[in-house]
Amino acid sequence: MQDYLLAELKSYGCFVETDSFGADTPIGRLNMKNILVKIPGEKPGVILLGTHYDTLLMDNFVGADDAGSSTAVMLELARLLCPQKGKFAVWIAFFDGEEAMKRWSDTDSRYGSRQMAARFSPPATSKRSKHFCWRISSAAAKPVSCANPVPRRHWSISFGTQQPSWAIRRFF
């Protein structure tokens, strides 16, 4: 899946970064890789859209309606946005390791998005008064780990037979 995503994104002319990392899980240490598309903008600030491309580790289970549907949406957004330069930079994150390895909990889930939040959060000693954390998710929206996030606005749109919640959260 990683090779497919990278090939597709590069064929759209996207600038792509990867972040390989190890995650300690209940089934042992696993190698994971987040994929990040960076589309430049004219103004300061970044809009981060995210999805996950992993699936549950279960026999006879394919997460096509979970990770597959939101990943397809993000691929199409990348295809449309990469050739352009908008007002704001848009980053599209394809997270690895979002599903639980055994049982969903704060420590056994969201490995990729927690990795990215830690990577881009300002240090505790930062004098920066504002920072942004955005997330769009096909699962129940959960705050992205940023230093002292305070929700200001929340948008959500539900669609489909299982009514997944699509939410963008903005934090200052």
C-alpha atoms as a PDB file:
ATOM      1  CA  MET A   1       0.000   0.000   0.000  1.00  0.00           C
ATOM      2  CA  GLN A   2       2.818   2.428   0.851  1.00  0.00           C
ATOM      3  CA  ASP A   3       4.457   1.937  -2.545  1.00  0.00           C
ATOM      4  CA  TYR A   4       1.128   2.446  -4.314  1.00  0.00           C
ATOM      5  CA  LEU A   5       0.380   5.670  -2.406  1.00  0.00           C
ATOM      6  CA  LEU A   6       3.858   7.067  -3.048  1.00  0.00           C
ATOM      7  CA  ALA A   7       3.712   6.232  -6.770  1.00  0.00           C
ATOM      8  CA  GLU A   8       0.248   7.783  -7.180  1.00  0.00           C
ATOM      9  CA  LEU A   9       1.136  10.945  -5.288  1.00  0.00           C
ATOM     10  CA  LYS A  10       4.356  11.424  -7.235  1.00  0.00           C
ATOM     11  CA  SER A  11       2.479  10.873 -10.518  1.00  0.00           C
ATOM     12  CA  TYR A  12       0.254  13.844  -9.547  1.00  0.00           C
ATOM     13  CA  GLY A  13       3.371  16.005  -9.160  1.00  0.00           C
ATOM     14  CA  CYS A  14       3.068  16.174  -5.373  1.00  0.00           C
ATOM     15  CA  PHE A  15       5.979  16.931  -3.063  1.00  0.00           C
ATOM     16  CA  VAL A  16       5.997  13.920  -0.736  1.00  0.00           C
ATOM     17  CA  GLU A  17       7.826  13.300   2.546  1.00  0.00           C
ATOM     18  CA  THR A  18       7.883  10.078   4.501  1.00  0.00           C
ATOM     19  CA  ASP A  19       8.400   9.649   8.217  1.00  0.00           C
ATOM     20  CA  SER A  20       9.506   6.149   9.167  1.00  0.00           C
ATOM     21  CA  PHE A  21       9.280   5.405  12.872  1.00  0.00           C
ATOM     22  CA  GLY A  22       9.095   2.524  15.305  1.00  0.00           C
ATOM     23  CA  ALA A  23       6.084   2.128  17.575  1.00  0.00           C
ATOM     24  CA  ASP A  24       5.867   0.047  20.726  1.00  0.00           C
ATOM     25  CA  THR A  25       2.593  -1.880  20.504  1.00  0.00           C
ATOM     26  CA  PRO A  26       1.017  -4.721  22.512  1.00  0.00           C
ATOM     27  CA  ILE A  27       2.295  -7.135  19.825  1.00  0.00           C
ATOM     28  CA  GLY A  28       5.850  -5.778  19.896  1.00  0.00           C
ATOM     29  CA  ARG A  29       7.789  -2.987  18.225  1.00  0.00           C
ATOM     30  CA  LEU A  30       6.525  -2.332  14.687  1.00  0.00           C
ATOM     31  CA  ASN A  31       7.979  -0.261  11.881  1.00  0.00           C
ATOM     32  CA  MET A  32       5.504   2.269  10.531  1.00  0.00           C
ATOM     33  CA  LYS A  33       5.577   5.003   7.933  1.00  0.00           C
ATOM     34  CA  ASN A  34       3.531   8.186   7.656  1.00  0.00           C
ATOM     35  CA  ILE A  35       3.299   9.789   4.218  1.00  0.00           C
ATOM     36  CA  LEU A  36       2.930  13.564   4.003  1.00  0.00           C
ATOM     37  CA  VAL A  37       2.060  15.624   0.928  1.00  0.00           C
ATOM     38  CA  LYS A  38       2.997  19.315   1.176  1.00  0.00           C
ATOM     39  CA  ILE A  39       1.234  21.733  -1.169  1.00  0.00           C
ATOM     40  CA  PRO A  40       2.538  25.318  -0.865  1.00  0.00           C
ATOM     41  CA  GLY A  41       0.327  28.321  -0.198  1.00  0.00           C
ATOM     42  CA  GLU A  42       0.657  32.078  -0.460  1.00  0.00           C
ATOM     43  CA  LYS A  43      -0.195  32.977   3.155  1.00  0.00           C
ATOM     44  CA  PRO A  44       1.233  31.722   6.447  1.00  0.00           C
ATOM     45  CA  GLY A  45      -0.501  28.786   8.037  1.00  0.00           C
ATOM     46  CA  VAL A  46      -1.161  25.195   7.101  1.00  0.00           C
ATOM     47  CA  ILE A  47      -4.351  23.194   6.688  1.00  0.00           C
ATOM     48  CA  LEU A  48      -3.642  19.563   7.559  1.00  0.00           C
ATOM     49  CA  LEU A  49      -5.957  16.896   6.179  1.00  0.00           C
ATOM     50  CA  GLY A  50      -5.390  13.364   7.376  1.00  0.00           C
ATOM     51  CA  THR A  51      -6.484   9.812   6.825  1.00  0.00           C
ATOM     52  CA  HIS A  52      -5.096   6.424   7.721  1.00  0.00           C
ATOM     53  CA  TYR A  53      -4.216   3.696   5.282  1.00  0.00           C
ATOM     54  CA  ASP A  54      -3.753   0.804   7.691  1.00  0.00           C
ATOM     55  CA  THR A  55      -6.480  -1.678   8.580  1.00  0.00           C
ATOM     56  CA  LEU A  56      -7.380  -3.861  11.549  1.00  0.00           C
ATOM     57  CA  LEU A  57      -5.194  -6.904  12.107  1.00  0.00           C
ATOM     58  CA  MET A  58      -7.980  -9.497  11.999  1.00  0.00           C
ATOM     59  CA  ASP A  59      -8.353 -12.718  10.050  1.00  0.00           C
ATOM     60  CA  ASN A  60     -10.551 -12.331   6.956  1.00  0.00           C
ATOM     61  CA  PHE A  61     -10.942  -8.575   7.422  1.00  0.00           C
ATOM     62  CA  VAL A  62     -10.272  -5.883   4.831  1.00  0.00           C
ATOM     63  CA  GLY A  63     -10.939  -2.314   5.945  1.00  0.00           C
ATOM     64  CA  ALA A  64     -12.075  -1.074   2.526  1.00  0.00           C
ATOM     65  CA  ASP A  65     -14.918   1.057   3.909  1.00  0.00           C
ATOM     66  CA  ASP A  66     -12.832   2.449   6.739  1.00  0.00           C
ATOM     67  CA  ALA A  67      -9.330   3.389   5.691  1.00  0.00           C
ATOM     68  CA  GLY A  68      -9.942   2.682   2.008  1.00  0.00           C
ATOM     69  CA  SER A  69     -12.721   5.221   1.503  1.00  0.00           C
ATOM     70  CA  SER A  70     -11.009   8.113   3.268  1.00  0.00           C
ATOM     71  CA  THR A  71      -7.681   7.298   1.608  1.00  0.00           C
ATOM     72  CA  ALA A  72      -9.381   7.437  -1.805  1.00  0.00           C
ATOM     73  CA  VAL A  73     -10.812  10.868  -0.948  1.00  0.00           C
ATOM     74  CA  MET A  74      -7.375  12.154   0.076  1.00  0.00           C
ATOM     75  CA  LEU A  75      -5.769  10.758  -3.083  1.00  0.00           C
ATOM     76  CA  GLU A  76      -8.352  12.596  -5.174  1.00  0.00           C
ATOM     77  CA  LEU A  77      -7.772  15.814  -3.211  1.00  0.00           C
ATOM     78  CA  ALA A  78      -4.035  15.443  -3.788  1.00  0.00           C
ATOM     79  CA  ARG A  79      -4.609  14.906  -7.518  1.00  0.00           C
ATOM     80  CA  LEU A  80      -6.669  18.101  -7.692  1.00  0.00           C
ATOM     81  CA  LEU A  81      -4.590  20.289  -5.345  1.00  0.00           C
ATOM     82  CA  CYS A  82      -0.965  19.355  -6.089  1.00  0.00           C
ATOM     83  CA  PRO A  83      -0.822  21.183  -9.444  1.00  0.00           C
ATOM     84  CA  GLN A  84      -2.131  24.371  -7.798  1.00  0.00           C
ATOM     85  CA  LYS A  85      -0.956  26.944  -5.287  1.00  0.00           C
ATOM     86  CA  GLY A  86      -3.773  28.159  -3.049  1.00  0.00           C
ATOM     87  CA  LYS A  87      -4.059  30.862  -0.420  1.00  0.00           C
ATOM     88  CA  PHE A  88      -2.953  28.494   2.335  1.00  0.00           C
ATOM     89  CA  ALA A  89      -0.570  25.581   2.336  1.00  0.00           C
ATOM     90  CA  VAL A  90      -2.324  22.225   2.449  1.00  0.00           C
ATOM     91  CA  TRP A  91      -0.683  19.158   3.897  1.00  0.00           C
ATOM     92  CA  ILE A  92      -2.288  15.764   3.346  1.00  0.00           C
ATOM     93  CA  ALA A  93      -1.180  13.116   5.824  1.00  0.00           C
ATOM     94  CA  PHE A  94      -1.571   9.398   5.259  1.00  0.00           C
ATOM     95  CA  PHE A  95      -1.147   7.915   8.725  1.00  0.00           C
ATOM     96  CA  ASP A  96       0.101   4.421   9.458  1.00  0.00           C
ATOM     97  CA  GLY A  97      -0.844   2.534  12.622  1.00  0.00           C
ATOM     98  CA  GLU A  98      -4.106   4.265  13.482  1.00  0.00           C
ATOM     99  CA  GLU A  99      -5.958   1.031  14.228  1.00  0.00           C
ATOM    100  CA  ALA A 100      -5.428  -0.833  17.490  1.00  0.00           C
ATOM    101  CA  MET A 101      -3.152  -3.846  17.356  1.00  0.00           C
ATOM    102  CA  LYS A 102      -5.169  -5.625  20.051  1.00  0.00           C
ATOM    103  CA  ARG A 103      -7.743  -3.435  21.808  1.00  0.00           C
ATOM    104  CA  TRP A 104      -8.511   0.230  21.143  1.00  0.00           C
ATOM    105  CA  SER A 105      -7.135   2.493  23.858  1.00  0.00           C
ATOM    106  CA  ASP A 106      -5.192   5.740  24.199  1.00  0.00           C
ATOM    107  CA  THR A 107      -1.948   3.776  24.026  1.00  0.00           C
ATOM    108  CA  ASP A 108      -2.975   1.134  21.465  1.00  0.00           C
ATOM    109  CA  SER A 109      -4.185   3.267  18.548  1.00  0.00           C
ATOM    110  CA  ARG A 110      -3.384   6.408  16.564  1.00  0.00           C
ATOM    111  CA  TYR A 111       0.345   5.638  16.412  1.00  0.00           C
ATOM    112  CA  GLY A 112       0.853   7.628  13.198  1.00  0.00           C
ATOM    113  CA  SER A 113      -1.124  10.739  14.132  1.00  0.00           C
ATOM    114  CA  ARG A 114       0.482  10.828  17.592  1.00  0.00           C
ATOM    115  CA  GLN A 115       3.899  10.593  15.912  1.00  0.00           C
ATOM    116  CA  MET A 116       3.089  13.511  13.608  1.00  0.00           C
ATOM    117  CA  ALA A 117       1.613  15.620  16.410  1.00  0.00           C
ATOM    118  CA  ALA A 118       4.763  15.094  18.485  1.00  0.00           C
ATOM    119  CA  ARG A 119       6.969  15.871  15.484  1.00  0.00           C
ATOM    120  CA  PHE A 120       5.272  19.183  14.668  1.00  0.00           C
ATOM    121  CA  SER A 121       4.281  20.425  18.131  1.00  0.00           C
ATOM    122  CA  PRO A 122       6.297  23.409  19.314  1.00  0.00           C
ATOM    123  CA  PRO A 123       8.673  22.705  22.196  1.00  0.00           C
ATOM    124  CA  ALA A 124       7.361  23.436  25.693  1.00  0.00           C
ATOM    125  CA  THR A 125       9.848  26.311  25.878  1.00  0.00           C
ATOM    126  CA  SER A 126       8.531  27.914  22.678  1.00  0.00           C
ATOM    127  CA  LYS A 127       7.474  31.563  22.885  1.00  0.00           C
ATOM    128  CA  ARG A 128       5.139  31.014  19.931  1.00  0.00           C
ATOM    129  CA  SER A 129       1.642  32.010  21.050  1.00  0.00           C
ATOM    130  CA  LYS A 130      -0.278  30.426  18.179  1.00  0.00           C
ATOM    131  CA  HIS A 131      -0.036  27.145  16.357  1.00  0.00           C
ATOM    132  CA  PHE A 132      -2.444  25.119  14.312  1.00  0.00           C
ATOM    133  CA  CYS A 133      -3.457  21.485  14.427  1.00  0.00           C
ATOM    134  CA  TRP A 134      -6.016  20.275  11.910  1.00  0.00           C
ATOM    135  CA  ARG A 135      -7.372  16.806  11.367  1.00  0.00           C
ATOM    136  CA  ILE A 136      -9.970  15.339   9.075  1.00  0.00           C
ATOM    137  CA  SER A 137     -10.921  11.801   9.944  1.00  0.00           C
ATOM    138  CA  SER A 138     -13.392   9.202   8.790  1.00  0.00           C
ATOM    139  CA  ALA A 139     -13.638   7.860  12.327  1.00  0.00           C
ATOM    140  CA  ALA A 140     -14.949   9.599  15.416  1.00  0.00           C
ATOM    141  CA  ALA A 141     -13.086  12.880  15.659  1.00  0.00           C
ATOM    142  CA  LYS A 142     -10.569  13.046  18.462  1.00  0.00           C
ATOM    143  CA  PRO A 143      -8.365  16.016  19.293  1.00  0.00           C
ATOM    144  CA  VAL A 144      -4.885  15.872  17.841  1.00  0.00           C
ATOM    145  CA  SER A 145      -2.195  16.028  20.495  1.00  0.00           C
ATOM    146  CA  CYS A 146      -0.845  19.572  20.406  1.00  0.00           C
ATOM    147  CA  ALA A 147       0.660  21.553  23.236  1.00  0.00           C
ATOM    148  CA  ASN A 148      -2.279  22.997  25.220  1.00  0.00           C
ATOM    149  CA  PRO A 149      -4.910  22.803  22.462  1.00  0.00           C
ATOM    150  CA  VAL A 150      -8.024  24.916  22.945  1.00  0.00           C
ATOM    151  CA  PRO A 151     -10.812  24.115  20.473  1.00  0.00           C
ATOM    152  CA  ARG A 152     -12.146  27.269  18.782  1.00  0.00           C
ATOM    153  CA  ARG A 153     -14.255  25.935  15.935  1.00  0.00           C
ATOM    154  CA  HIS A 154     -15.535  22.542  14.860  1.00  0.00           C
ATOM    155  CA  TRP A 155     -17.108  21.598  11.555  1.00  0.00           C
ATOM    156  CA  SER A 156     -18.567  18.181  10.854  1.00  0.00           C
ATOM    157  CA  ILE A 157     -20.405  16.593   7.963  1.00  0.00           C
ATOM    158  CA  SER A 158     -21.845  13.092   8.135  1.00  0.00           C
ATOM    159  CA  PHE A 159     -22.610  10.988   5.101  1.00  0.00           C
ATOM    160  CA  GLY A 160     -22.920   7.372   4.033  1.00  0.00           C
ATOM    161  CA  THR A 161     -24.914   4.503   5.443  1.00  0.00           C
ATOM    162  CA  GLN A 162     -22.789   4.129   8.562  1.00  0.00           C
ATOM    163  CA  GLN A 163     -22.681   7.927   9.041  1.00  0.00           C
ATOM    164  CA  PRO A 164     -18.934   8.365   9.561  1.00  0.00           C
ATOM    165  CA  SER A 165     -18.144  11.696  11.108  1.00  0.00           C
ATOM    166  CA  TRP A 166     -15.929  13.931   8.961  1.00  0.00           C
ATOM    167  CA  ALA A 167     -14.566  16.657  11.143  1.00  0.00           C
ATOM    168  CA  ILE A 168     -12.007  19.379  10.887  1.00  0.00           C
ATOM    169  CA  ARG A 169     -10.792  20.740  14.188  1.00  0.00           C
ATOM    170  CA  ARG A 170      -8.818  23.936  14.510  1.00  0.00           C
ATOM    171  CA  PHE A 171      -6.765  24.664  17.587  1.00  0.00           C
ATOM    172  CA  PHE A 172      -4.930  27.856  18.570  1.00  0.00           C
END
